[in-house]
Amino acid sequence: MAITKSEIFKTLSDRTGVSKPQVSELLDELAKLAHQEAANGFTIPNIGKLVLVDRAARMGRNPATGEQIHIPAKRVVKFRVAKACKDAVL
């Protein structure tokens, strides 16, 4: 089962001695910074990084009707997991 946002705040608060509201504010600011810097690549050491990826145009299929549709090229944000994180989890 996945850990909830409030459990993350409590765990970080207990381990660091920082209050839960301060932990919440720190993580909110980290998220804002990640959103602003994602276009340039944003790395969280030992966890991973956000990168922009160009997806090519392709043919897809409407699952409801089976009709083929053209999916245009677009840019998407992807998260690449760091090797240290992979090694710790796997």
C-alpha atoms as a PDB file:
ATOM      1  CA  MET A   1       0.000   0.000   0.000  1.00  0.00           C
ATOM      2  CA  ALA A   2       1.290   3.458  -0.907  1.00  0.00           C
ATOM      3  CA  ILE A   3       2.265   5.936   1.791  1.00  0.00           C
ATOM      4  CA  THR A   4      -0.073   8.935   2.068  1.00  0.00           C
ATOM      5  CA  LYS A   5       0.908  12.578   1.961  1.00  0.00           C
ATOM      6  CA  SER A   6       0.181  13.038   5.677  1.00  0.00           C
ATOM      7  CA  GLU A   7       2.264   9.942   6.502  1.00  0.00           C
ATOM      8  CA  ILE A   8       5.163  11.418   4.528  1.00  0.00           C
ATOM      9  CA  PHE A   9       4.880  14.672   6.505  1.00  0.00           C
ATOM     10  CA  LYS A  10       4.731  12.808   9.834  1.00  0.00           C
ATOM     11  CA  THR A  11       7.683  10.547   9.007  1.00  0.00           C
ATOM     12  CA  LEU A  12       9.885  13.416   7.814  1.00  0.00           C
ATOM     13  CA  SER A  13       8.858  15.513  10.815  1.00  0.00           C
ATOM     14  CA  ASP A  14       9.735  12.714  13.237  1.00  0.00           C
ATOM     15  CA  ARG A  15      13.085  11.950  11.577  1.00  0.00           C
ATOM     16  CA  THR A  16      14.267  15.550  11.211  1.00  0.00           C
ATOM     17  CA  GLY A  17      12.709  17.286  14.204  1.00  0.00           C
ATOM     18  CA  VAL A  18      11.059  19.845  11.897  1.00  0.00           C
ATOM     19  CA  SER A  19       7.351  20.587  12.392  1.00  0.00           C
ATOM     20  CA  LYS A  20       4.786  19.044  10.019  1.00  0.00           C
ATOM     21  CA  PRO A  21       3.678  22.446   8.624  1.00  0.00           C
ATOM     22  CA  GLN A  22       7.320  23.274   7.826  1.00  0.00           C
ATOM     23  CA  VAL A  23       7.790  19.899   6.113  1.00  0.00           C
ATOM     24  CA  SER A  24       4.601  20.514   4.126  1.00  0.00           C
ATOM     25  CA  GLU A  25       5.779  23.973   3.072  1.00  0.00           C
ATOM     26  CA  LEU A  26       9.217  22.633   2.090  1.00  0.00           C
ATOM     27  CA  LEU A  27       7.731  19.892  -0.094  1.00  0.00           C
ATOM     28  CA  ASP A  28       5.284  22.363  -1.694  1.00  0.00           C
ATOM     29  CA  GLU A  29       8.184  24.694  -2.538  1.00  0.00           C
ATOM     30  CA  LEU A  30      10.193  21.751  -3.913  1.00  0.00           C
ATOM     31  CA  ALA A  31       7.264  20.862  -6.184  1.00  0.00           C
ATOM     32  CA  LYS A  32       6.923  24.481  -7.389  1.00  0.00           C
ATOM     33  CA  LEU A  33      10.641  24.623  -8.148  1.00  0.00           C
ATOM     34  CA  ALA A  34      10.444  21.301 -10.026  1.00  0.00           C
ATOM     35  CA  HIS A  35       7.539  22.615 -12.132  1.00  0.00           C
ATOM     36  CA  GLN A  36       9.443  25.808 -12.989  1.00  0.00           C
ATOM     37  CA  GLU A  37      12.702  24.050 -13.856  1.00  0.00           C
ATOM     38  CA  ALA A  38      11.359  20.904 -15.576  1.00  0.00           C
ATOM     39  CA  ALA A  39      12.044  22.391 -19.027  1.00  0.00           C
ATOM     40  CA  ASN A  40      15.757  22.601 -18.150  1.00  0.00           C
ATOM     41  CA  GLY A  41      15.829  19.243 -16.368  1.00  0.00           C
ATOM     42  CA  PHE A  42      15.281  19.044 -12.621  1.00  0.00           C
ATOM     43  CA  THR A  43      17.220  16.516 -10.541  1.00  0.00           C
ATOM     44  CA  ILE A  44      16.511  15.286  -7.030  1.00  0.00           C
ATOM     45  CA  PRO A  45      19.758  13.543  -6.021  1.00  0.00           C
ATOM     46  CA  ASN A  46      19.471   9.781  -5.437  1.00  0.00           C
ATOM     47  CA  ILE A  47      15.782   9.807  -6.504  1.00  0.00           C
ATOM     48  CA  GLY A  48      15.600  10.866 -10.147  1.00  0.00           C
ATOM     49  CA  LYS A  49      15.035  13.715 -12.549  1.00  0.00           C
ATOM     50  CA  LEU A  50      12.328  15.367 -14.622  1.00  0.00           C
ATOM     51  CA  VAL A  51      13.128  15.664 -18.334  1.00  0.00           C
ATOM     52  CA  LEU A  52      11.272  16.898 -21.417  1.00  0.00           C
ATOM     53  CA  VAL A  53      10.866  14.311 -24.161  1.00  0.00           C
ATOM     54  CA  ASP A  54       9.633  14.822 -27.729  1.00  0.00           C
ATOM     55  CA  ARG A  55       7.144  12.153 -28.816  1.00  0.00           C
ATOM     56  CA  ALA A  56       6.836  11.483 -32.528  1.00  0.00           C
ATOM     57  CA  ALA A  57       3.489  11.517 -34.322  1.00  0.00           C
ATOM     58  CA  ARG A  58       1.955   8.066 -34.622  1.00  0.00           C
ATOM     59  CA  MET A  59      -1.144   6.129 -35.550  1.00  0.00           C
ATOM     60  CA  GLY A  60      -3.338   4.980 -32.679  1.00  0.00           C
ATOM     61  CA  ARG A  61      -6.665   3.214 -32.281  1.00  0.00           C
ATOM     62  CA  ASN A  62      -9.867   4.319 -30.598  1.00  0.00           C
ATOM     63  CA  PRO A  63     -10.533   1.424 -28.184  1.00  0.00           C
ATOM     64  CA  ALA A  64     -14.294   1.961 -28.263  1.00  0.00           C
ATOM     65  CA  THR A  65     -14.749   1.863 -32.058  1.00  0.00           C
ATOM     66  CA  GLY A  66     -11.515   0.336 -33.333  1.00  0.00           C
ATOM     67  CA  GLU A  67     -11.131   3.324 -35.687  1.00  0.00           C
ATOM     68  CA  GLN A  68      -7.555   4.368 -36.459  1.00  0.00           C
ATOM     69  CA  ILE A  69      -6.647   7.913 -35.445  1.00  0.00           C
ATOM     70  CA  HIS A  70      -3.617  10.127 -35.949  1.00  0.00           C
ATOM     71  CA  ILE A  71      -1.906  11.153 -32.709  1.00  0.00           C
ATOM     72  CA  PRO A  72       0.130  14.329 -33.264  1.00  0.00           C
ATOM     73  CA  ALA A  73       3.705  14.857 -32.080  1.00  0.00           C
ATOM     74  CA  LYS A  74       4.015  16.474 -28.663  1.00  0.00           C
ATOM     75  CA  ARG A  75       6.380  17.233 -25.795  1.00  0.00           C
ATOM     76  CA  VAL A  76       5.867  15.440 -22.496  1.00  0.00           C
ATOM     77  CA  VAL A  77       7.479  15.507 -19.059  1.00  0.00           C
ATOM     78  CA  LYS A  78       8.967  12.205 -17.909  1.00  0.00           C
ATOM     79  CA  PHE A  79      10.537  11.131 -14.652  1.00  0.00           C
ATOM     80  CA  ARG A  80      13.728   9.089 -14.892  1.00  0.00           C
ATOM     81  CA  VAL A  81      14.534   7.124 -11.766  1.00  0.00           C
ATOM     82  CA  ALA A  82      18.113   7.408 -10.487  1.00  0.00           C
ATOM     83  CA  LYS A  83      20.313   4.316 -10.311  1.00  0.00           C
ATOM     84  CA  ALA A  84      20.673   4.687  -6.529  1.00  0.00           C
ATOM     85  CA  CYS A  85      16.884   4.559  -6.172  1.00  0.00           C
ATOM     86  CA  LYS A  86      16.577   1.542  -8.476  1.00  0.00           C
ATOM     87  CA  ASP A  87      19.269  -0.300  -6.558  1.00  0.00           C
ATOM     88  CA  ALA A  88      17.603   0.474  -3.208  1.00  0.00           C
ATOM     89  CA  VAL A  89      14.167  -0.669  -4.350  1.00  0.00           C
ATOM     90  CA  LEU A  90      14.982  -3.689  -6.534  1.00  0.00           C
END
